[in-house]
Amino acid sequence: MAVAALVLGILALVLGWVPILGWILALLGFIFGLIAVIKGQKKGMAWTGFILSIIGGCELSIIAACVN
């Protein structure tokens, strides 16, 4: 779960300009990161994926606000 959260968080951050895909990746990364943190799996990777997903979601929100 921690590795999945990290990968999804990175992808959400990089692919933030793709509207629907970015939201899906950020949401899944957030969920997997939260689950991994609660289970205590590889805390560094879990927290990093969790935080990157939040940053990716913020990036998507800013891009959506600027486009509209």
PDB file of N, CA and C in Angstrom:
ATOM      1  N   MET A   1       0.810  -1.197   0.000  1.00  0.00           N
ATOM      2  CA  MET A   1       0.000   0.000   0.000  1.00  0.00           C
ATOM      3  C   MET A   1       0.858   1.268   0.000  1.00  0.00           C
ATOM      4  N   ALA A   2       1.956   1.257   0.752  1.00  0.00           N
ATOM      5  CA  ALA A   2       2.797   2.449   0.837  1.00  0.00           C
ATOM      6  C   ALA A   2       3.435   2.766  -0.515  1.00  0.00           C
ATOM      7  N   VAL A   3       3.885   1.732  -1.205  1.00  0.00           N
ATOM      8  CA  VAL A   3       4.508   1.948  -2.517  1.00  0.00           C
ATOM      9  C   VAL A   3       3.467   2.447  -3.514  1.00  0.00           C
ATOM     10  N   ALA A   4       2.272   1.875  -3.455  1.00  0.00           N
ATOM     11  CA  ALA A   4       1.192   2.322  -4.347  1.00  0.00           C
ATOM     12  C   ALA A   4       0.839   3.780  -4.082  1.00  0.00           C
ATOM     13  N   ALA A   5       0.791   4.168  -2.803  1.00  0.00           N
ATOM     14  CA  ALA A   5       0.498   5.562  -2.456  1.00  0.00           C
ATOM     15  C   ALA A   5       1.578   6.490  -2.981  1.00  0.00           C
ATOM     16  N   LEU A   6       2.837   6.064  -2.857  1.00  0.00           N
ATOM     17  CA  LEU A   6       3.943   6.893  -3.337  1.00  0.00           C
ATOM     18  C   LEU A   6       3.882   7.059  -4.852  1.00  0.00           C
ATOM     19  N   VAL A   7       3.677   5.966  -5.565  1.00  0.00           N
ATOM     20  CA  VAL A   7       3.615   6.028  -7.029  1.00  0.00           C
ATOM     21  C   VAL A   7       2.422   6.870  -7.485  1.00  0.00           C
ATOM     22  N   LEU A   8       1.274   6.668  -6.882  1.00  0.00           N
ATOM     23  CA  LEU A   8       0.088   7.440  -7.267  1.00  0.00           C
ATOM     24  C   LEU A   8       0.239   8.915  -6.916  1.00  0.00           C
ATOM     25  N   GLY A   9       0.887   9.198  -5.795  1.00  0.00           N
ATOM     26  CA  GLY A   9       1.133  10.596  -5.428  1.00  0.00           C
ATOM     27  C   GLY A   9       2.050  11.295  -6.419  1.00  0.00           C
ATOM     28  N   ILE A  10       3.100  10.596  -6.851  1.00  0.00           N
ATOM     29  CA  ILE A  10       4.014  11.170  -7.842  1.00  0.00           C
ATOM     30  C   ILE A  10       3.291  11.380  -9.167  1.00  0.00           C
ATOM     31  N   LEU A  11       2.512  10.394  -9.590  1.00  0.00           N
ATOM     32  CA  LEU A  11       1.779  10.524 -10.843  1.00  0.00           C
ATOM     33  C   LEU A  11       0.743  11.650 -10.771  1.00  0.00           C
ATOM     34  N   ALA A  12       0.091  11.798  -9.627  1.00  0.00           N
ATOM     35  CA  ALA A  12      -0.883  12.885  -9.470  1.00  0.00           C
ATOM     36  C   ALA A  12      -0.199  14.234  -9.565  1.00  0.00           C
ATOM     37  N   LEU A  13       0.995  14.323  -9.026  1.00  0.00           N
ATOM     38  CA  LEU A  13       1.734  15.580  -9.068  1.00  0.00           C
ATOM     39  C   LEU A  13       2.205  15.900 -10.484  1.00  0.00           C
ATOM     40  N   VAL A  14       2.687  14.892 -11.190  1.00  0.00           N
ATOM     41  CA  VAL A  14       3.224  15.092 -12.539  1.00  0.00           C
ATOM     42  C   VAL A  14       2.100  15.269 -13.565  1.00  0.00           C
ATOM     43  N   LEU A  15       1.048  14.482 -13.424  1.00  0.00           N
ATOM     44  CA  LEU A  15      -0.052  14.531 -14.394  1.00  0.00           C
ATOM     45  C   LEU A  15      -1.202  15.412 -13.905  1.00  0.00           C
ATOM     46  N   GLY A  16      -0.880  16.431 -13.135  1.00  0.00           N
ATOM     47  CA  GLY A  16      -1.899  17.314 -12.585  1.00  0.00           C
ATOM     48  C   GLY A  16      -2.656  18.109 -13.623  1.00  0.00           C
ATOM     49  N   TRP A  17      -2.097  18.274 -14.783  1.00  0.00           N
ATOM     50  CA  TRP A  17      -2.756  19.058 -15.825  1.00  0.00           C
ATOM     51  C   TRP A  17      -3.802  18.257 -16.590  1.00  0.00           C
ATOM     52  N   VAL A  18      -3.870  16.932 -16.383  1.00  0.00           N
ATOM     53  CA  VAL A  18      -4.891  16.097 -17.022  1.00  0.00           C
ATOM     54  C   VAL A  18      -6.096  16.068 -16.083  1.00  0.00           C
ATOM     55  N   PRO A  19      -7.212  16.667 -16.475  1.00  0.00           N
ATOM     56  CA  PRO A  19      -8.308  16.914 -15.539  1.00  0.00           C
ATOM     57  C   PRO A  19      -8.830  15.705 -14.759  1.00  0.00           C
ATOM     58  N   ILE A  20      -9.385  14.729 -15.409  1.00  0.00           N
ATOM     59  CA  ILE A  20     -10.025  13.630 -14.688  1.00  0.00           C
ATOM     60  C   ILE A  20      -8.996  12.644 -14.149  1.00  0.00           C
ATOM     61  N   LEU A  21      -7.995  12.336 -14.926  1.00  0.00           N
ATOM     62  CA  LEU A  21      -6.960  11.388 -14.501  1.00  0.00           C
ATOM     63  C   LEU A  21      -6.227  11.881 -13.261  1.00  0.00           C
ATOM     64  N   GLY A  22      -5.924  13.148 -13.206  1.00  0.00           N
ATOM     65  CA  GLY A  22      -5.228  13.718 -12.055  1.00  0.00           C
ATOM     66  C   GLY A  22      -6.029  13.585 -10.774  1.00  0.00           C
ATOM     67  N   TRP A  23      -7.331  13.847 -10.859  1.00  0.00           N
ATOM     68  CA  TRP A  23      -8.181  13.718  -9.669  1.00  0.00           C
ATOM     69  C   TRP A  23      -8.250  12.281  -9.181  1.00  0.00           C
ATOM     70  N   ILE A  24      -8.375  11.345 -10.123  1.00  0.00           N
ATOM     71  CA  ILE A  24      -8.452   9.928  -9.751  1.00  0.00           C
ATOM     72  C   ILE A  24      -7.152   9.486  -9.083  1.00  0.00           C
ATOM     73  N   LEU A  25      -6.016   9.860  -9.666  1.00  0.00           N
ATOM     74  CA  LEU A  25      -4.731   9.478  -9.095  1.00  0.00           C
ATOM     75  C   LEU A  25      -4.525  10.101  -7.719  1.00  0.00           C
ATOM     76  N   ALA A  26      -4.883  11.367  -7.564  1.00  0.00           N
ATOM     77  CA  ALA A  26      -4.721  12.040  -6.274  1.00  0.00           C
ATOM     78  C   ALA A  26      -5.611  11.404  -5.208  1.00  0.00           C
ATOM     79  N   LEU A  27      -6.830  11.093  -5.568  1.00  0.00           N
ATOM     80  CA  LEU A  27      -7.752  10.486  -4.614  1.00  0.00           C
ATOM     81  C   LEU A  27      -7.286   9.092  -4.196  1.00  0.00           C
ATOM     82  N   LEU A  28      -6.884   8.277  -5.165  1.00  0.00           N
ATOM     83  CA  LEU A  28      -6.403   6.931  -4.843  1.00  0.00           C
ATOM     84  C   LEU A  28      -5.116   6.984  -4.025  1.00  0.00           C
ATOM     85  N   GLY A  29      -4.218   7.879  -4.374  1.00  0.00           N
ATOM     86  CA  GLY A  29      -2.985   8.033  -3.600  1.00  0.00           C
ATOM     87  C   GLY A  29      -3.273   8.458  -2.167  1.00  0.00           C
ATOM     88  N   PHE A  30      -4.225   9.363  -1.995  1.00  0.00           N
ATOM     89  CA  PHE A  30      -4.635   9.815  -0.659  1.00  0.00           C
ATOM     90  C   PHE A  30      -5.185   8.649   0.157  1.00  0.00           C
ATOM     91  N   ILE A  31      -6.066   7.862  -0.453  1.00  0.00           N
ATOM     92  CA  ILE A  31      -6.689   6.735   0.249  1.00  0.00           C
ATOM     93  C   ILE A  31      -5.648   5.674   0.599  1.00  0.00           C
ATOM     94  N   PHE A  32      -4.824   5.289  -0.380  1.00  0.00           N
ATOM     95  CA  PHE A  32      -3.806   4.275  -0.111  1.00  0.00           C
ATOM     96  C   PHE A  32      -2.787   4.763   0.913  1.00  0.00           C
ATOM     97  N   GLY A  33      -2.426   6.028   0.853  1.00  0.00           N
ATOM     98  CA  GLY A  33      -1.497   6.589   1.828  1.00  0.00           C
ATOM     99  C   GLY A  33      -2.077   6.575   3.227  1.00  0.00           C
ATOM    100  N   LEU A  34      -3.337   6.925   3.344  1.00  0.00           N
ATOM    101  CA  LEU A  34      -4.002   6.926   4.642  1.00  0.00           C
ATOM    102  C   LEU A  34      -4.080   5.511   5.216  1.00  0.00           C
ATOM    103  N   ILE A  35      -4.432   4.552   4.390  1.00  0.00           N
ATOM    104  CA  ILE A  35      -4.495   3.161   4.840  1.00  0.00           C
ATOM    105  C   ILE A  35      -3.117   2.667   5.267  1.00  0.00           C
ATOM    106  N   ALA A  36      -2.095   2.983   4.485  1.00  0.00           N
ATOM    107  CA  ALA A  36      -0.734   2.537   4.809  1.00  0.00           C
ATOM    108  C   ALA A  36      -0.226   3.182   6.092  1.00  0.00           C
ATOM    109  N   VAL A  37      -0.557   4.448   6.331  1.00  0.00           N
ATOM    110  CA  VAL A  37      -0.140   5.112   7.565  1.00  0.00           C
ATOM    111  C   VAL A  37      -0.829   4.464   8.765  1.00  0.00           C
ATOM    112  N   ILE A  38      -2.112   4.173   8.633  1.00  0.00           N
ATOM    113  CA  ILE A  38      -2.857   3.550   9.727  1.00  0.00           C
ATOM    114  C   ILE A  38      -2.312   2.152  10.025  1.00  0.00           C
ATOM    115  N   LYS A  39      -1.993   1.385   8.980  1.00  0.00           N
ATOM    116  CA  LYS A  39      -1.451   0.041   9.179  1.00  0.00           C
ATOM    117  C   LYS A  39       0.008   0.055   9.630  1.00  0.00           C
ATOM    118  N   GLY A  40       0.693   1.166   9.456  1.00  0.00           N
ATOM    119  CA  GLY A  40       2.085   1.273   9.875  1.00  0.00           C
ATOM    120  C   GLY A  40       3.075   0.676   8.895  1.00  0.00           C
ATOM    121  N   GLN A  41       2.717   0.624   7.632  1.00  0.00           N
ATOM    122  CA  GLN A  41       3.593   0.068   6.601  1.00  0.00           C
ATOM    123  C   GLN A  41       4.542   1.135   6.089  1.00  0.00           C
ATOM    124  N   LYS A  42       5.820   0.879   6.144  1.00  0.00           N
ATOM    125  CA  LYS A  42       6.846   1.767   5.583  1.00  0.00           C
ATOM    126  C   LYS A  42       6.437   3.230   5.724  1.00  0.00           C
ATOM    127  N   LYS A  43       6.507   3.714   6.929  1.00  0.00           N
ATOM    128  CA  LYS A  43       5.935   5.038   7.234  1.00  0.00           C
ATOM    129  C   LYS A  43       6.463   6.163   6.359  1.00  0.00           C
ATOM    130  N   GLY A  44       7.733   6.112   5.982  1.00  0.00           N
ATOM    131  CA  GLY A  44       8.275   7.174   5.137  1.00  0.00           C
ATOM    132  C   GLY A  44       7.608   7.225   3.778  1.00  0.00           C
ATOM    133  N   MET A  45       7.467   6.073   3.149  1.00  0.00           N
ATOM    134  CA  MET A  45       6.807   6.011   1.838  1.00  0.00           C
ATOM    135  C   MET A  45       5.326   6.350   1.954  1.00  0.00           C
ATOM    136  N   ALA A  46       4.694   5.866   3.005  1.00  0.00           N
ATOM    137  CA  ALA A  46       3.263   6.114   3.189  1.00  0.00           C
ATOM    138  C   ALA A  46       2.988   7.606   3.366  1.00  0.00           C
ATOM    139  N   TRP A  47       3.759   8.273   4.239  1.00  0.00           N
ATOM    140  CA  TRP A  47       3.576   9.706   4.456  1.00  0.00           C
ATOM    141  C   TRP A  47       3.907  10.505   3.204  1.00  0.00           C
ATOM    142  N   THR A  48       4.961  10.102   2.505  1.00  0.00           N
ATOM    143  CA  THR A  48       5.336  10.827   1.291  1.00  0.00           C
ATOM    144  C   THR A  48       4.246  10.715   0.233  1.00  0.00           C
ATOM    145  N   GLY A  49       3.710   9.522   0.028  1.00  0.00           N
ATOM    146  CA  GLY A  49       2.611   9.341  -0.927  1.00  0.00           C
ATOM    147  C   GLY A  49       1.371  10.118  -0.524  1.00  0.00           C
ATOM    148  N   PHE A  50       1.075  10.109   0.763  1.00  0.00           N
ATOM    149  CA  PHE A  50      -0.075  10.840   1.305  1.00  0.00           C
ATOM    150  C   PHE A  50       0.070  12.337   1.044  1.00  0.00           C
ATOM    151  N   ILE A  51       1.234  12.886   1.353  1.00  0.00           N
ATOM    152  CA  ILE A  51       1.475  14.321   1.188  1.00  0.00           C
ATOM    153  C   ILE A  51       1.528  14.716  -0.282  1.00  0.00           C
ATOM    154  N   LEU A  52       2.172  13.895  -1.116  1.00  0.00           N
ATOM    155  CA  LEU A  52       2.215  14.202  -2.550  1.00  0.00           C
ATOM    156  C   LEU A  52       0.820  14.180  -3.164  1.00  0.00           C
ATOM    157  N   SER A  53      -0.022  13.292  -2.694  1.00  0.00           N
ATOM    158  CA  SER A  53      -1.401  13.247  -3.196  1.00  0.00           C
ATOM    159  C   SER A  53      -2.163  14.512  -2.814  1.00  0.00           C
ATOM    160  N   ILE A  54      -1.934  14.996  -1.604  1.00  0.00           N
ATOM    161  CA  ILE A  54      -2.581  16.240  -1.181  1.00  0.00           C
ATOM    162  C   ILE A  54      -2.079  17.409  -2.026  1.00  0.00           C
ATOM    163  N   ILE A  55      -0.767  17.463  -2.254  1.00  0.00           N
ATOM    164  CA  ILE A  55      -0.204  18.533  -3.080  1.00  0.00           C
ATOM    165  C   ILE A  55      -0.732  18.433  -4.512  1.00  0.00           C
ATOM    166  N   GLY A  56      -0.823  17.206  -5.045  1.00  0.00           N
ATOM    167  CA  GLY A  56      -1.372  17.015  -6.384  1.00  0.00           C
ATOM    168  C   GLY A  56      -2.819  17.470  -6.475  1.00  0.00           C
ATOM    169  N   GLY A  57      -3.615  17.192  -5.432  1.00  0.00           N
ATOM    170  CA  GLY A  57      -5.001  17.653  -5.403  1.00  0.00           C
ATOM    171  C   GLY A  57      -5.094  19.166  -5.346  1.00  0.00           C
ATOM    172  N   CYS A  58      -4.205  19.796  -4.580  1.00  0.00           N
ATOM    173  CA  CYS A  58      -4.173  21.269  -4.528  1.00  0.00           C
ATOM    174  C   CYS A  58      -3.785  21.848  -5.874  1.00  0.00           C
ATOM    175  N   GLU A  59      -2.815  21.216  -6.526  1.00  0.00           N
ATOM    176  CA  GLU A  59      -2.390  21.651  -7.866  1.00  0.00           C
ATOM    177  C   GLU A  59      -3.570  21.573  -8.840  1.00  0.00           C
ATOM    178  N   LEU A  60      -4.318  20.488  -8.773  1.00  0.00           N
ATOM    179  CA  LEU A  60      -5.478  20.324  -9.654  1.00  0.00           C
ATOM    180  C   LEU A  60      -6.535  21.401  -9.373  1.00  0.00           C
ATOM    181  N   SER A  61      -6.731  21.720  -8.103  1.00  0.00           N
ATOM    182  CA  SER A  61      -7.714  22.743  -7.750  1.00  0.00           C
ATOM    183  C   SER A  61      -7.300  24.111  -8.295  1.00  0.00           C
ATOM    184  N   ILE A  62      -6.021  24.429  -8.186  1.00  0.00           N
ATOM    185  CA  ILE A  62      -5.530  25.707  -8.693  1.00  0.00           C
ATOM    186  C   ILE A  62      -5.649  25.780 -10.200  1.00  0.00           C
ATOM    187  N   ILE A  63      -5.294  24.699 -10.870  1.00  0.00           N
ATOM    188  CA  ILE A  63      -5.389  24.681 -12.341  1.00  0.00           C
ATOM    189  C   ILE A  63      -6.850  24.803 -12.765  1.00  0.00           C
ATOM    190  N   ALA A  64      -7.757  24.093 -12.081  1.00  0.00           N
ATOM    191  CA  ALA A  64      -9.175  24.181 -12.430  1.00  0.00           C
ATOM    192  C   ALA A  64      -9.718  25.582 -12.195  1.00  0.00           C
ATOM    193  N   ALA A  65      -9.269  26.249 -11.136  1.00  0.00           N
ATOM    194  CA  ALA A  65      -9.732  27.617 -10.854  1.00  0.00           C
ATOM    195  C   ALA A  65      -9.212  28.601 -11.898  1.00  0.00           C
ATOM    196  N   CYS A  66      -7.988  28.388 -12.363  1.00  0.00           N
ATOM    197  CA  CYS A  66      -7.410  29.299 -13.361  1.00  0.00           C
ATOM    198  C   CYS A  66      -8.037  29.119 -14.733  1.00  0.00           C
ATOM    199  N   VAL A  67      -8.422  27.918 -15.054  1.00  0.00           N
ATOM    200  CA  VAL A  67      -9.006  27.647 -16.377  1.00  0.00           C
ATOM    201  C   VAL A  67     -10.417  28.221 -16.457  1.00  0.00           C
ATOM    202  N   ASN A  68     -11.162  28.121 -15.384  1.00  0.00           N
ATOM    203  CA  ASN A  68     -12.543  28.629 -15.400  1.00  0.00           C
ATOM    204  C   ASN A  68     -12.500  30.068 -15.166  1.00  0.00           C
TER     205      ASN A  68
END
